[in-house]
């Protein structure tokens, strides 16, 4: 199975952050079936019905969650 960009992004952060982001990603995909995940300006976003719905980002000292449309 080929890794997508979001999987690669998550692999670049620390172990604790990876665990949190994987869990968040799983929840997003369960709540938005059919969502397309891809990077936008280097940040993982989940597109639903053609629009950015939510995204997340890892920073040095915190994680961020973005609610869009």
C-alpha atoms as a PDB file:
ATOM      1  CA  UNK A   1       0.000   0.000   0.000  1.00  0.00           C
ATOM      2  CA  UNK A   2       1.407   3.363  -1.006  1.00  0.00           C
ATOM      3  CA  UNK A   3       1.707   5.995   1.707  1.00  0.00           C
ATOM      4  CA  UNK A   4      -0.155   9.228   1.080  1.00  0.00           C
ATOM      5  CA  UNK A   5       1.082  12.708   1.985  1.00  0.00           C
ATOM      6  CA  UNK A   6      -0.857  12.837   5.273  1.00  0.00           C
ATOM      7  CA  UNK A   7       0.691   9.543   6.410  1.00  0.00           C
ATOM      8  CA  UNK A   8       4.134  10.899   5.534  1.00  0.00           C
ATOM      9  CA  UNK A   9       3.389  14.156   7.398  1.00  0.00           C
ATOM     10  CA  UNK A  10       2.391  12.285  10.564  1.00  0.00           C
ATOM     11  CA  UNK A  11       5.570  10.196  10.367  1.00  0.00           C
ATOM     12  CA  UNK A  12       7.692  13.369  10.677  1.00  0.00           C
ATOM     13  CA  UNK A  13       6.520  14.277  14.206  1.00  0.00           C
ATOM     14  CA  UNK A  14       7.370  12.785  17.593  1.00  0.00           C
ATOM     15  CA  UNK A  15       5.874   9.510  18.854  1.00  0.00           C
ATOM     16  CA  UNK A  16       3.371  11.158  21.204  1.00  0.00           C
ATOM     17  CA  UNK A  17       2.215  13.564  18.541  1.00  0.00           C
ATOM     18  CA  UNK A  18       1.937  10.725  16.016  1.00  0.00           C
ATOM     19  CA  UNK A  19      -0.368   8.818  18.355  1.00  0.00           C
ATOM     20  CA  UNK A  20      -2.610  11.860  18.850  1.00  0.00           C
ATOM     21  CA  UNK A  21      -2.721  12.763  15.140  1.00  0.00           C
ATOM     22  CA  UNK A  22      -3.425   9.179  14.063  1.00  0.00           C
ATOM     23  CA  UNK A  23      -6.318   9.034  16.516  1.00  0.00           C
ATOM     24  CA  UNK A  24      -7.672  12.389  15.327  1.00  0.00           C
ATOM     25  CA  UNK A  25      -7.311  11.317  11.704  1.00  0.00           C
ATOM     26  CA  UNK A  26      -9.235   8.107  12.355  1.00  0.00           C
ATOM     27  CA  UNK A  27     -12.051  10.048  14.043  1.00  0.00           C
ATOM     28  CA  UNK A  28     -12.252  12.546  11.166  1.00  0.00           C
ATOM     29  CA  UNK A  29     -12.448   9.776   8.577  1.00  0.00           C
ATOM     30  CA  UNK A  30     -15.190   8.024  10.580  1.00  0.00           C
ATOM     31  CA  UNK A  31     -17.239  11.223  10.854  1.00  0.00           C
ATOM     32  CA  UNK A  32     -16.697  12.297   7.238  1.00  0.00           C
ATOM     33  CA  UNK A  33     -16.956   9.141   5.136  1.00  0.00           C
ATOM     34  CA  UNK A  34     -15.627   9.770   1.667  1.00  0.00           C
ATOM     35  CA  UNK A  35     -13.503  12.739   2.757  1.00  0.00           C
ATOM     36  CA  UNK A  36     -10.414  13.345   0.667  1.00  0.00           C
ATOM     37  CA  UNK A  37      -7.245  13.950   2.646  1.00  0.00           C
ATOM     38  CA  UNK A  38      -4.367  15.936   1.233  1.00  0.00           C
ATOM     39  CA  UNK A  39      -1.843  18.599   2.130  1.00  0.00           C
ATOM     40  CA  UNK A  40      -2.587  22.265   1.600  1.00  0.00           C
ATOM     41  CA  UNK A  41       0.476  24.472   2.045  1.00  0.00           C
ATOM     42  CA  UNK A  42       2.154  21.587   3.847  1.00  0.00           C
ATOM     43  CA  UNK A  43      -0.708  21.104   6.330  1.00  0.00           C
ATOM     44  CA  UNK A  44      -3.035  18.053   6.336  1.00  0.00           C
ATOM     45  CA  UNK A  45      -6.627  18.940   5.462  1.00  0.00           C
ATOM     46  CA  UNK A  46      -9.711  16.849   4.893  1.00  0.00           C
ATOM     47  CA  UNK A  47     -11.947  17.909   2.012  1.00  0.00           C
ATOM     48  CA  UNK A  48     -15.650  17.110   2.055  1.00  0.00           C
ATOM     49  CA  UNK A  49     -18.003  17.945  -0.806  1.00  0.00           C
ATOM     50  CA  UNK A  50     -15.126  19.766  -2.504  1.00  0.00           C
ATOM     51  CA  UNK A  51     -14.354  22.102   0.406  1.00  0.00           C
ATOM     52  CA  UNK A  52     -11.793  22.038   3.190  1.00  0.00           C
ATOM     53  CA  UNK A  53     -13.671  20.822   6.248  1.00  0.00           C
ATOM     54  CA  UNK A  54     -10.999  20.346   8.913  1.00  0.00           C
ATOM     55  CA  UNK A  55      -7.246  20.048   9.266  1.00  0.00           C
ATOM     56  CA  UNK A  56      -4.488  19.633  11.804  1.00  0.00           C
ATOM     57  CA  UNK A  57      -0.899  20.643  12.292  1.00  0.00           C
ATOM     58  CA  UNK A  58       1.973  19.792  14.596  1.00  0.00           C
ATOM     59  CA  UNK A  59       4.103  22.629  15.926  1.00  0.00           C
ATOM     60  CA  UNK A  60       7.116  22.504  18.212  1.00  0.00           C
ATOM     61  CA  UNK A  61       5.117  22.830  21.442  1.00  0.00           C
ATOM     62  CA  UNK A  62       1.515  22.074  20.495  1.00  0.00           C
ATOM     63  CA  UNK A  63      -0.932  20.530  18.047  1.00  0.00           C
ATOM     64  CA  UNK A  64      -3.527  22.593  16.190  1.00  0.00           C
ATOM     65  CA  UNK A  65      -6.952  21.633  14.861  1.00  0.00           C
ATOM     66  CA  UNK A  66      -8.601  23.764  12.188  1.00  0.00           C
ATOM     67  CA  UNK A  67     -12.332  23.926  11.495  1.00  0.00           C
ATOM     68  CA  UNK A  68     -13.001  25.411   8.087  1.00  0.00           C
ATOM     69  CA  UNK A  69     -16.259  25.641   6.130  1.00  0.00           C
END
